[in-house]
């Protein structure tokens, strides 16, 4: 977790550090791990981004062995592909939702408020 202490933003290096630290605070919406940006329309980590990409590019027939009620978190995210993909889709991940560029400050603030 990022420290709550804010640096004295007197030069560009401090500002870049502060912005980077704020981005790291936003967890992956799918599993809760540290996010790396908006991927396929949802703030996710690299693991969930790659999982979603692979799930779209192959003909898969995922099945849940636990009545489709698995907990998808950082520790358990690899245990059930069915429930992980279901959560990705419920959150709005879509091949059509690819966005280019970084999130603006306003977009980050909106996400943090959710």
N, C-alpha and C. Protein backbone atom coordinates (compact mmCIF):
# COMPACT_ATOMS: atom_id res chain seq x y z
N UNK A 1 0.84 -1.18 0.00
CA UNK A 1 0.00 0.00 0.00
C UNK A 1 0.89 1.24 0.00
N UNK A 2 0.41 2.28 -0.57
CA UNK A 2 1.18 3.51 -0.70
C UNK A 2 1.05 4.31 0.58
N UNK A 3 2.13 4.91 1.01
CA UNK A 3 2.15 5.72 2.21
C UNK A 3 1.22 6.91 2.08
N UNK A 4 0.64 7.32 3.19
CA UNK A 4 -0.25 8.47 3.21
C UNK A 4 0.51 9.79 3.26
N UNK A 5 1.82 9.74 3.45
CA UNK A 5 2.64 10.95 3.50
C UNK A 5 2.79 11.50 2.10
N UNK A 6 2.44 12.77 1.93
CA UNK A 6 2.55 13.40 0.62
C UNK A 6 3.84 14.21 0.55
N UNK A 7 4.58 14.05 -0.53
CA UNK A 7 5.83 14.81 -0.66
C UNK A 7 5.56 16.27 -0.97
N UNK A 8 6.56 17.10 -0.68
CA UNK A 8 6.49 18.50 -1.07
C UNK A 8 6.72 18.56 -2.57
N UNK A 9 5.67 18.87 -3.32
CA UNK A 9 5.75 18.85 -4.78
C UNK A 9 6.37 20.15 -5.26
N UNK A 10 7.71 20.19 -5.23
CA UNK A 10 8.41 21.40 -5.63
C UNK A 10 9.09 21.26 -6.98
N UNK A 11 9.21 20.04 -7.46
CA UNK A 11 9.80 19.87 -8.78
C UNK A 11 9.07 18.76 -9.53
N UNK A 12 9.40 18.58 -10.78
CA UNK A 12 8.71 17.64 -11.64
C UNK A 12 8.87 16.19 -11.17
N UNK A 13 10.03 15.84 -10.62
CA UNK A 13 10.26 14.47 -10.15
C UNK A 13 9.30 14.12 -9.03
N UNK A 14 9.12 15.05 -8.07
CA UNK A 14 8.17 14.81 -6.98
C UNK A 14 6.75 14.67 -7.51
N UNK A 15 6.39 15.49 -8.49
CA UNK A 15 5.04 15.44 -9.05
C UNK A 15 4.79 14.09 -9.73
N UNK A 16 5.76 13.62 -10.50
CA UNK A 16 5.62 12.32 -11.18
C UNK A 16 5.47 11.21 -10.15
N UNK A 17 6.25 11.26 -9.07
CA UNK A 17 6.15 10.25 -8.03
C UNK A 17 4.77 10.26 -7.40
N UNK A 18 4.25 11.45 -7.11
CA UNK A 18 2.95 11.58 -6.47
C UNK A 18 1.85 11.02 -7.37
N UNK A 19 1.87 11.34 -8.64
CA UNK A 19 0.86 10.84 -9.57
C UNK A 19 0.97 9.32 -9.69
N UNK A 20 2.17 8.80 -9.79
CA UNK A 20 2.37 7.35 -9.88
C UNK A 20 1.84 6.66 -8.62
N UNK A 21 2.09 7.25 -7.47
CA UNK A 21 1.62 6.65 -6.22
C UNK A 21 0.11 6.62 -6.17
N UNK A 22 -0.56 7.65 -6.67
CA UNK A 22 -2.01 7.68 -6.66
C UNK A 22 -2.59 6.62 -7.58
N UNK A 23 -1.98 6.39 -8.72
CA UNK A 23 -2.48 5.38 -9.65
C UNK A 23 -2.38 3.99 -9.02
N UNK A 24 -1.30 3.72 -8.29
CA UNK A 24 -1.10 2.42 -7.68
C UNK A 24 -2.13 2.11 -6.60
N UNK A 25 -2.78 3.12 -6.04
CA UNK A 25 -3.76 2.91 -4.99
C UNK A 25 -5.02 2.22 -5.53
N UNK A 26 -5.35 2.42 -6.78
CA UNK A 26 -6.58 1.87 -7.34
C UNK A 26 -6.39 0.37 -7.56
N UNK A 27 -7.20 -0.46 -6.88
CA UNK A 27 -7.05 -1.91 -7.06
C UNK A 27 -7.75 -2.41 -8.32
N UNK A 28 -7.34 -3.57 -8.78
CA UNK A 28 -7.99 -4.24 -9.90
C UNK A 28 -9.43 -4.51 -9.50
N UNK A 29 -10.36 -4.15 -10.36
CA UNK A 29 -11.78 -4.35 -10.07
C UNK A 29 -12.18 -5.82 -10.07
N UNK A 30 -11.38 -6.66 -10.72
CA UNK A 30 -11.71 -8.09 -10.81
C UNK A 30 -11.20 -8.84 -9.58
N UNK A 31 -9.90 -8.68 -9.27
CA UNK A 31 -9.31 -9.50 -8.21
C UNK A 31 -8.76 -8.72 -7.02
N UNK A 32 -8.65 -7.40 -7.13
CA UNK A 32 -8.15 -6.60 -6.02
C UNK A 32 -6.65 -6.40 -6.00
N UNK A 33 -5.92 -7.01 -6.91
CA UNK A 33 -4.47 -6.82 -7.00
C UNK A 33 -4.17 -5.39 -7.47
N UNK A 34 -2.91 -5.00 -7.49
CA UNK A 34 -2.53 -3.66 -7.93
C UNK A 34 -2.85 -3.51 -9.42
N UNK A 35 -3.61 -2.50 -9.77
CA UNK A 35 -4.00 -2.30 -11.17
C UNK A 35 -2.87 -1.67 -11.97
N UNK A 36 -2.95 -1.86 -13.28
CA UNK A 36 -1.95 -1.27 -14.16
C UNK A 36 -2.59 -0.34 -15.18
N UNK A 37 -3.89 -0.14 -15.10
CA UNK A 37 -4.57 0.76 -16.02
C UNK A 37 -5.93 0.25 -16.43
N UNK A 38 -6.51 0.94 -17.40
CA UNK A 38 -7.82 0.55 -17.92
C UNK A 38 -7.59 -0.41 -19.09
N UNK A 39 -8.11 -1.61 -18.96
CA UNK A 39 -7.95 -2.63 -19.99
C UNK A 39 -9.33 -3.17 -20.34
N UNK A 40 -9.67 -3.13 -21.61
CA UNK A 40 -10.96 -3.62 -22.09
C UNK A 40 -12.12 -2.96 -21.36
N UNK A 41 -11.91 -1.70 -20.95
CA UNK A 41 -12.97 -0.90 -20.35
C UNK A 41 -13.05 -0.92 -18.84
N UNK A 42 -12.19 -1.67 -18.17
CA UNK A 42 -12.24 -1.80 -16.71
C UNK A 42 -10.82 -1.67 -16.15
N UNK A 43 -10.69 -1.08 -14.97
CA UNK A 43 -9.39 -0.97 -14.32
C UNK A 43 -9.00 -2.35 -13.81
N UNK A 44 -7.91 -2.89 -14.36
CA UNK A 44 -7.49 -4.24 -13.99
C UNK A 44 -5.97 -4.33 -13.83
N UNK A 45 -5.56 -5.44 -13.25
CA UNK A 45 -4.14 -5.76 -13.15
C UNK A 45 -3.70 -6.43 -14.45
N UNK A 46 -2.40 -6.64 -14.59
CA UNK A 46 -1.87 -7.30 -15.79
C UNK A 46 -2.38 -8.74 -15.90
N UNK A 47 -2.54 -9.42 -14.77
CA UNK A 47 -3.01 -10.80 -14.79
C UNK A 47 -4.42 -10.93 -15.34
N UNK A 48 -5.32 -10.07 -14.87
CA UNK A 48 -6.71 -10.14 -15.34
C UNK A 48 -6.83 -9.64 -16.78
N UNK A 49 -5.99 -8.68 -17.15
CA UNK A 49 -5.97 -8.22 -18.55
C UNK A 49 -5.60 -9.38 -19.47
N UNK A 50 -4.53 -10.07 -19.14
CA UNK A 50 -4.08 -11.19 -19.96
C UNK A 50 -5.08 -12.34 -19.97
N UNK A 51 -5.67 -12.63 -18.81
CA UNK A 51 -6.67 -13.69 -18.74
C UNK A 51 -7.85 -13.37 -19.66
N UNK A 52 -8.34 -12.13 -19.60
CA UNK A 52 -9.48 -11.76 -20.43
C UNK A 52 -9.12 -11.84 -21.91
N UNK A 53 -7.93 -11.37 -22.26
CA UNK A 53 -7.49 -11.44 -23.66
C UNK A 53 -7.45 -12.88 -24.14
N UNK A 54 -6.86 -13.76 -23.34
CA UNK A 54 -6.78 -15.18 -23.73
C UNK A 54 -8.15 -15.83 -23.78
N UNK A 55 -9.04 -15.43 -22.90
CA UNK A 55 -10.38 -16.04 -22.90
C UNK A 55 -11.17 -15.65 -24.14
N UNK A 56 -10.83 -14.51 -24.74
CA UNK A 56 -11.53 -14.06 -25.94
C UNK A 56 -10.95 -14.65 -27.21
N UNK A 57 -9.70 -15.06 -27.16
CA UNK A 57 -9.03 -15.50 -28.38
C UNK A 57 -9.10 -17.01 -28.60
N UNK A 58 -9.60 -17.73 -27.63
CA UNK A 58 -9.70 -19.18 -27.78
C UNK A 58 -11.14 -19.62 -27.65
N UNK A 59 -11.45 -20.74 -28.24
CA UNK A 59 -12.78 -21.32 -28.07
C UNK A 59 -12.75 -22.09 -26.76
N UNK A 60 -13.27 -21.47 -25.71
CA UNK A 60 -13.21 -22.13 -24.41
C UNK A 60 -14.61 -22.50 -23.94
N UNK A 61 -14.64 -23.46 -23.10
CA UNK A 61 -15.89 -23.90 -22.50
C UNK A 61 -15.64 -24.07 -21.01
N UNK A 62 -15.39 -22.94 -20.33
CA UNK A 62 -15.09 -23.00 -18.91
C UNK A 62 -16.29 -23.54 -18.13
N UNK A 63 -16.00 -24.30 -17.10
CA UNK A 63 -17.04 -24.81 -16.22
C UNK A 63 -16.59 -24.62 -14.78
N UNK A 64 -17.55 -24.32 -13.92
CA UNK A 64 -17.25 -24.11 -12.51
C UNK A 64 -17.59 -25.38 -11.72
N UNK A 65 -16.63 -25.89 -10.95
CA UNK A 65 -16.90 -27.08 -10.14
C UNK A 65 -17.60 -26.76 -8.82
N UNK A 66 -17.83 -25.47 -8.52
CA UNK A 66 -18.37 -25.06 -7.22
C UNK A 66 -19.65 -24.24 -7.32
N UNK A 67 -20.57 -24.59 -8.16
CA UNK A 67 -21.88 -23.94 -8.29
C UNK A 67 -21.81 -22.46 -8.66
N UNK A 68 -20.77 -22.05 -9.36
CA UNK A 68 -20.62 -20.69 -9.88
C UNK A 68 -20.65 -19.62 -8.79
N UNK A 69 -20.06 -19.93 -7.64
CA UNK A 69 -20.04 -18.99 -6.52
C UNK A 69 -18.63 -18.82 -5.95
N UNK A 70 -17.63 -18.98 -6.80
CA UNK A 70 -16.24 -18.88 -6.35
C UNK A 70 -15.86 -17.44 -6.01
N UNK A 71 -15.00 -17.29 -5.04
CA UNK A 71 -14.46 -15.98 -4.69
C UNK A 71 -13.29 -15.70 -5.63
N UNK A 72 -13.37 -14.57 -6.32
CA UNK A 72 -12.29 -14.18 -7.23
C UNK A 72 -11.51 -13.05 -6.56
N UNK A 73 -10.36 -13.39 -6.00
CA UNK A 73 -9.49 -12.39 -5.40
C UNK A 73 -8.05 -12.68 -5.83
N UNK A 74 -7.12 -11.90 -5.33
CA UNK A 74 -5.73 -12.03 -5.77
C UNK A 74 -5.19 -13.44 -5.52
N UNK A 75 -5.55 -14.04 -4.41
CA UNK A 75 -5.04 -15.36 -4.05
C UNK A 75 -5.74 -16.47 -4.85
N UNK A 76 -7.05 -16.34 -5.04
CA UNK A 76 -7.85 -17.41 -5.65
C UNK A 76 -8.21 -17.21 -7.11
N UNK A 77 -7.73 -16.16 -7.73
CA UNK A 77 -8.19 -15.83 -9.08
C UNK A 77 -7.90 -16.91 -10.12
N UNK A 78 -6.89 -17.73 -9.91
CA UNK A 78 -6.54 -18.76 -10.88
C UNK A 78 -7.25 -20.09 -10.65
N UNK A 79 -8.06 -20.18 -9.62
CA UNK A 79 -8.71 -21.45 -9.29
C UNK A 79 -9.92 -21.77 -10.15
N UNK A 80 -10.64 -20.75 -10.61
CA UNK A 80 -11.85 -21.02 -11.40
C UNK A 80 -11.93 -20.03 -12.56
N UNK A 81 -11.64 -20.50 -13.76
CA UNK A 81 -11.69 -19.64 -14.94
C UNK A 81 -13.11 -19.18 -15.23
N UNK A 82 -14.08 -20.04 -14.99
CA UNK A 82 -15.48 -19.70 -15.27
C UNK A 82 -15.89 -18.47 -14.45
N UNK A 83 -15.68 -18.52 -13.14
CA UNK A 83 -16.10 -17.42 -12.27
C UNK A 83 -15.29 -16.14 -12.52
N UNK A 84 -14.02 -16.29 -12.86
CA UNK A 84 -13.19 -15.12 -13.17
C UNK A 84 -13.69 -14.43 -14.43
N UNK A 85 -13.97 -15.21 -15.47
CA UNK A 85 -14.49 -14.63 -16.70
C UNK A 85 -15.87 -14.02 -16.47
N UNK A 86 -16.69 -14.69 -15.70
CA UNK A 86 -18.03 -14.17 -15.38
C UNK A 86 -17.91 -12.80 -14.69
N UNK A 87 -16.98 -12.67 -13.75
CA UNK A 87 -16.79 -11.40 -13.05
C UNK A 87 -16.28 -10.33 -14.00
N UNK A 88 -15.36 -10.70 -14.89
CA UNK A 88 -14.86 -9.74 -15.89
C UNK A 88 -16.02 -9.18 -16.71
N UNK A 89 -16.88 -10.06 -17.17
CA UNK A 89 -18.00 -9.65 -18.01
C UNK A 89 -19.02 -8.83 -17.22
N UNK A 90 -19.28 -9.22 -15.97
CA UNK A 90 -20.22 -8.46 -15.12
C UNK A 90 -19.72 -7.04 -14.88
N UNK A 91 -18.41 -6.87 -14.79
CA UNK A 91 -17.83 -5.54 -14.57
C UNK A 91 -17.80 -4.71 -15.84
N UNK A 92 -18.08 -5.33 -16.98
CA UNK A 92 -18.14 -4.58 -18.23
C UNK A 92 -16.95 -4.75 -19.15
N UNK A 93 -16.08 -5.70 -18.88
CA UNK A 93 -14.95 -5.90 -19.78
C UNK A 93 -15.45 -6.37 -21.13
N UNK A 94 -14.90 -5.76 -22.18
CA UNK A 94 -15.34 -6.08 -23.53
C UNK A 94 -14.22 -5.78 -24.51
N UNK A 95 -14.12 -6.60 -25.55
CA UNK A 95 -13.15 -6.33 -26.62
C UNK A 95 -13.43 -4.98 -27.27
N UNK A 96 -14.68 -4.58 -27.28
CA UNK A 96 -15.08 -3.32 -27.90
C UNK A 96 -14.77 -2.11 -27.02
N UNK A 97 -14.43 -2.33 -25.77
CA UNK A 97 -14.22 -1.23 -24.83
C UNK A 97 -12.76 -0.83 -24.71
N UNK A 98 -11.94 -1.17 -25.67
CA UNK A 98 -10.53 -0.82 -25.61
C UNK A 98 -10.39 0.69 -25.71
N UNK A 99 -9.65 1.27 -24.76
CA UNK A 99 -9.43 2.71 -24.76
C UNK A 99 -7.95 2.95 -24.94
N UNK A 100 -7.62 4.04 -25.57
CA UNK A 100 -6.22 4.36 -25.82
C UNK A 100 -5.79 5.49 -24.89
N UNK A 101 -4.57 5.44 -24.44
CA UNK A 101 -4.01 6.50 -23.60
C UNK A 101 -4.23 6.24 -22.13
N UNK A 102 -3.83 7.20 -21.33
CA UNK A 102 -3.91 7.07 -19.88
C UNK A 102 -5.18 7.72 -19.36
N UNK A 103 -5.51 7.39 -18.12
CA UNK A 103 -6.68 8.00 -17.49
C UNK A 103 -6.34 9.43 -17.09
N UNK A 104 -7.30 10.31 -17.27
CA UNK A 104 -7.11 11.69 -16.83
C UNK A 104 -7.29 11.75 -15.32
N UNK A 105 -6.91 12.86 -14.73
CA UNK A 105 -7.06 13.04 -13.29
C UNK A 105 -8.52 12.94 -12.90
N UNK A 106 -9.40 13.50 -13.71
CA UNK A 106 -10.83 13.46 -13.44
C UNK A 106 -11.35 12.02 -13.47
N UNK A 107 -10.89 11.22 -14.43
CA UNK A 107 -11.31 9.81 -14.51
C UNK A 107 -10.84 9.03 -13.29
N UNK A 108 -9.58 9.26 -12.86
CA UNK A 108 -9.05 8.57 -11.68
C UNK A 108 -9.86 8.93 -10.44
N UNK A 109 -10.19 10.21 -10.27
CA UNK A 109 -10.96 10.65 -9.10
C UNK A 109 -12.34 10.00 -9.10
N UNK A 110 -12.95 9.89 -10.26
CA UNK A 110 -14.27 9.26 -10.36
C UNK A 110 -14.19 7.80 -9.93
N UNK A 111 -13.16 7.09 -10.37
CA UNK A 111 -12.98 5.68 -10.04
C UNK A 111 -12.71 5.52 -8.55
N UNK A 112 -11.90 6.39 -7.98
CA UNK A 112 -11.57 6.31 -6.56
C UNK A 112 -12.81 6.52 -5.70
N UNK A 113 -13.76 7.33 -6.18
CA UNK A 113 -14.99 7.60 -5.43
C UNK A 113 -15.95 6.43 -5.44
N UNK A 114 -15.81 5.53 -6.41
CA UNK A 114 -16.74 4.39 -6.54
C UNK A 114 -16.55 3.38 -5.45
